[in-house]
Amino acid sequence: VNNLFMIQVDVKNQELPMELKIVDNQNRESIKSLVLKPTATQQTVESTKKPSQKMKWGKYHALVIGNNEYADPKWTNLSNAVNDAKTVASVLEKKYGFETTLILNATRVQMLEAIESMRNKLTEDDNLLIYYAGHGQRDDANNRAYGVPVDSSAESSTNWIPRYQVTDHVNAMNTRHGLLVGDCCQAGLMTRAGGVQAIFVGVTA
């Protein structure tokens, strides 16, 4: 119409050479060479596009500890802690894809070394669950809960492991998520400490 026509061409943010062939009603031809260039708007849109990035969920790790047999005869040996720990480790690994580390009848040093090893290998994209089944003690005066390693004395708290010591270790790991679960006799506490969820469930021996 009126010797005007329009056509839309996507030039993909780069120059596009073209030849335009025009034929009139009498079949007379005319060929015009030209170069199409992107508009400023197209250039801006293309330059701001970034490749899509998949969120990194990281790996899921579990440290599972079960203590049944205590050296001090004043501690009653437990019958279910080891089996519970084995079951939890199996379920986490087989059904939920966790990389599990299982420690049974662990001393204080073994428990703390296992936690420290997690700190050395986990990254900020990883997730950690620590599960402890065994004897637990509660200090009502300070409102503190303790896990009891198998080499601990019933008369002294020297070898007991306070909850805050574990949460301090986990906080230092800078993992994406940290969860502590204590299936402990006489613990009876549920707290949040330093961003790490800590759940201590009171059970009977």
Protein backbone atom coordinates (compact mmCIF):
# COMPACT_ATOMS: atom_id res chain seq x y z
CA VAL A 1 0.00 0.00 0.00
CA ASN A 2 1.38 3.41 -1.03
CA ASN A 3 4.62 1.66 -2.01
CA LEU A 4 5.24 0.70 1.67
CA PHE A 5 5.54 -2.74 3.23
CA MET A 6 6.77 -4.12 6.57
CA ILE A 7 8.44 -7.33 7.61
CA GLN A 8 9.76 -8.36 11.05
CA VAL A 9 13.08 -10.20 11.21
CA ASP A 10 14.81 -11.48 14.39
CA VAL A 11 18.49 -10.58 14.05
CA LYS A 12 19.63 -12.28 17.30
CA ASN A 13 21.78 -9.42 18.56
CA GLN A 14 24.04 -9.42 15.48
CA GLU A 15 24.15 -7.86 12.03
CA LEU A 16 22.31 -9.78 9.31
CA PRO A 17 23.17 -9.16 5.60
CA MET A 18 20.21 -9.51 3.25
CA GLU A 19 19.25 -9.09 -0.40
CA LEU A 20 15.81 -7.71 -1.07
CA LYS A 21 14.26 -8.66 -4.43
CA ILE A 22 11.33 -6.54 -5.61
CA VAL A 23 9.03 -7.53 -8.50
CA ASP A 24 6.33 -5.19 -9.82
CA ASN A 25 3.12 -5.99 -11.71
CA GLN A 26 4.97 -6.03 -14.99
CA ASN A 27 7.56 -8.56 -13.67
CA ARG A 28 10.28 -5.98 -13.53
CA GLU A 29 12.84 -6.84 -10.84
CA SER A 30 15.04 -4.80 -8.61
CA ILE A 31 17.54 -6.18 -6.07
CA LYS A 32 18.67 -4.20 -3.06
CA SER A 33 21.49 -5.25 -0.70
CA LEU A 34 21.23 -4.18 2.93
CA VAL A 35 22.39 -5.06 6.44
CA LEU A 36 19.91 -5.40 9.30
CA LYS A 37 21.08 -4.36 12.74
CA PRO A 38 19.53 -5.07 16.15
CA THR A 39 17.77 -2.27 17.95
CA ALA A 40 19.11 -0.91 21.24
CA THR A 41 16.27 -2.68 23.07
CA GLN A 42 17.20 -6.04 21.56
CA GLN A 43 20.83 -5.55 22.51
CA THR A 44 19.90 -4.76 26.10
CA VAL A 45 17.65 -7.80 26.43
CA GLU A 46 20.23 -10.14 24.95
CA SER A 47 23.03 -8.80 27.13
CA THR A 48 21.05 -9.29 30.32
CA LYS A 49 20.15 -12.90 29.64
CA LYS A 50 22.12 -15.37 31.74
CA PRO A 51 22.26 -19.13 31.44
CA SER A 52 19.92 -20.82 33.87
CA GLN A 53 21.60 -22.22 36.94
CA LYS A 54 20.34 -25.24 38.85
CA MET A 55 20.21 -24.84 42.59
CA LYS A 56 22.86 -26.87 44.38
CA TRP A 57 21.21 -28.90 47.09
CA GLY A 58 24.44 -30.52 48.26
CA LYS A 59 24.75 -33.91 49.87
CA TYR A 60 22.96 -35.23 52.92
CA HIS A 61 25.18 -36.68 55.64
CA ALA A 62 24.25 -38.42 58.87
CA LEU A 63 26.40 -39.24 61.89
CA VAL A 64 24.56 -41.91 63.88
CA ILE A 65 25.77 -42.98 67.34
CA GLY A 66 24.33 -45.75 69.50
CA ASN A 67 25.64 -46.56 73.00
CA ASN A 68 24.51 -49.67 74.88
CA GLU A 69 27.46 -50.92 76.91
CA TYR A 70 28.96 -48.68 79.60
CA ALA A 71 32.20 -49.31 81.45
CA ASP A 72 30.97 -47.87 84.74
CA PRO A 73 28.64 -50.44 86.37
CA LYS A 74 26.64 -47.60 87.89
CA TRP A 75 25.30 -46.95 84.41
CA THR A 76 22.60 -49.42 83.42
CA ASN A 77 23.50 -51.04 80.13
CA LEU A 78 20.86 -50.32 77.48
CA SER A 79 19.23 -52.84 75.18
CA ASN A 80 17.79 -50.73 72.35
CA ALA A 81 20.19 -47.85 71.65
CA VAL A 82 22.45 -49.81 69.29
CA ASN A 83 19.53 -51.37 67.41
CA ASP A 84 17.82 -47.98 67.13
CA ALA A 85 20.98 -46.42 65.74
CA LYS A 86 21.38 -49.21 63.18
CA THR A 87 17.76 -48.83 62.09
CA VAL A 88 18.00 -45.05 61.77
CA ALA A 89 21.23 -45.30 59.75
CA SER A 90 19.70 -47.89 57.42
CA VAL A 91 16.53 -45.90 56.81
CA LEU A 92 18.40 -42.66 56.17
CA GLU A 93 20.76 -44.34 53.72
CA LYS A 94 18.38 -46.63 51.82
CA LYS A 95 15.21 -44.54 51.73
CA TYR A 96 16.51 -40.98 51.80
CA GLY A 97 19.94 -41.17 50.16
CA PHE A 98 22.04 -40.04 53.13
CA GLU A 99 25.73 -40.83 53.38
CA THR A 100 25.77 -42.35 56.85
CA THR A 101 28.52 -42.89 59.41
CA LEU A 102 27.52 -45.35 62.14
CA ILE A 103 29.42 -45.55 65.45
CA LEU A 104 28.45 -48.02 68.18
CA ASN A 105 29.46 -47.97 71.86
CA ALA A 106 31.59 -44.89 71.35
CA THR A 107 33.96 -43.23 73.80
CA ARG A 108 34.09 -39.47 74.26
CA VAL A 109 37.11 -39.18 71.97
CA GLN A 110 35.47 -41.31 69.27
CA MET A 111 32.29 -39.24 69.34
CA LEU A 112 34.09 -35.90 69.14
CA GLU A 113 36.52 -37.13 66.48
CA ALA A 114 33.58 -38.29 64.35
CA ILE A 115 31.98 -34.84 64.61
CA GLU A 116 35.30 -33.17 63.80
CA SER A 117 35.73 -35.37 60.70
CA MET A 118 32.36 -34.13 59.45
CA ARG A 119 33.55 -30.57 59.89
CA ASN A 120 36.60 -31.29 57.74
CA LYS A 121 34.73 -32.77 54.77
CA LEU A 122 31.36 -30.99 54.62
CA THR A 123 30.82 -27.86 52.55
CA GLU A 124 28.35 -24.98 52.84
CA ASP A 125 26.09 -26.75 50.33
CA ASP A 126 25.86 -29.94 52.43
CA ASN A 127 23.36 -30.94 55.09
CA LEU A 128 24.07 -32.79 58.34
CA LEU A 129 21.97 -34.82 60.75
CA ILE A 130 23.49 -36.11 64.00
CA TYR A 131 21.53 -38.81 65.84
CA TYR A 132 22.54 -40.02 69.30
CA ALA A 133 20.93 -42.88 71.21
CA GLY A 134 22.20 -43.77 74.66
CA HIS A 135 22.31 -42.48 78.20
CA GLY A 136 21.72 -38.80 78.71
CA GLN A 137 21.96 -36.57 81.75
CA ARG A 138 20.32 -33.27 82.59
CA ASP A 139 21.70 -30.45 84.68
CA ASP A 140 18.61 -28.68 86.01
CA ALA A 141 20.60 -25.84 87.59
CA ASN A 142 22.05 -24.82 84.21
CA ASN A 143 19.28 -26.27 82.03
CA ARG A 144 21.79 -28.34 80.08
CA ALA A 145 21.56 -31.75 78.49
CA TYR A 146 24.46 -34.16 78.09
CA GLY A 147 25.19 -37.19 75.97
CA VAL A 148 27.05 -39.89 77.87
CA PRO A 149 29.91 -41.76 76.14
CA VAL A 150 30.57 -45.37 77.19
CA ASP A 151 33.79 -44.44 79.04
CA SER A 152 32.07 -41.89 81.30
CA SER A 153 31.82 -42.05 85.06
CA ALA A 154 28.37 -41.85 86.62
CA GLU A 155 29.83 -39.78 89.47
CA SER A 156 31.54 -37.09 87.36
CA SER A 157 30.47 -35.04 84.37
CA THR A 158 34.05 -34.66 83.18
CA ASN A 159 33.59 -37.03 80.22
CA TRP A 160 29.99 -36.17 79.42
CA ILE A 161 29.38 -34.23 76.22
CA PRO A 162 27.16 -31.16 76.64
CA ARG A 163 24.68 -30.32 73.92
CA TYR A 164 26.19 -26.87 73.36
CA GLN A 165 29.57 -28.42 72.53
CA VAL A 166 27.99 -30.38 69.69
CA THR A 167 26.01 -27.41 68.38
CA ASP A 168 29.16 -25.27 68.47
CA HIS A 169 30.91 -27.83 66.26
CA VAL A 170 28.00 -27.92 63.82
CA ASN A 171 27.75 -24.13 63.68
CA ALA A 172 31.45 -23.96 62.80
CA MET A 173 30.87 -26.30 59.85
CA ASN A 174 28.80 -23.66 58.01
CA THR A 175 26.59 -26.37 56.50
CA ARG A 176 23.35 -25.51 54.74
CA HIS A 177 21.29 -27.25 57.44
CA GLY A 178 22.17 -28.96 60.72
CA LEU A 179 19.85 -31.12 62.82
CA LEU A 180 20.69 -32.83 66.12
CA VAL A 181 18.45 -35.59 67.45
CA GLY A 182 19.12 -37.01 70.90
CA ASP A 183 17.21 -40.14 71.89
CA CYS A 184 18.44 -39.90 75.47
CA CYS A 185 17.28 -41.03 78.88
CA GLN A 186 16.33 -38.10 81.15
CA ALA A 187 17.17 -35.47 78.53
CA GLY A 188 13.71 -34.03 78.01
CA LEU A 189 14.84 -30.87 76.19
CA MET A 190 14.00 -29.26 72.88
CA THR A 191 15.99 -26.15 72.02
CA ARG A 192 17.35 -24.08 69.17
CA ALA A 193 20.96 -23.08 69.64
CA GLY A 194 22.98 -20.89 67.30
CA GLY A 195 20.83 -21.67 64.27
CA VAL A 196 21.13 -25.43 64.69
CA GLN A 197 17.92 -27.25 65.50
CA ALA A 198 18.50 -29.55 68.49
CA ILE A 199 15.88 -32.06 69.59
CA PHE A 200 16.38 -34.17 72.69
CA VAL A 201 13.66 -36.69 73.39
CA GLY A 202 13.29 -38.17 76.88
CA VAL A 203 12.86 -41.95 76.80
CA THR A 204 13.02 -44.82 79.22
CA ALA A 205 16.11 -46.98 79.29
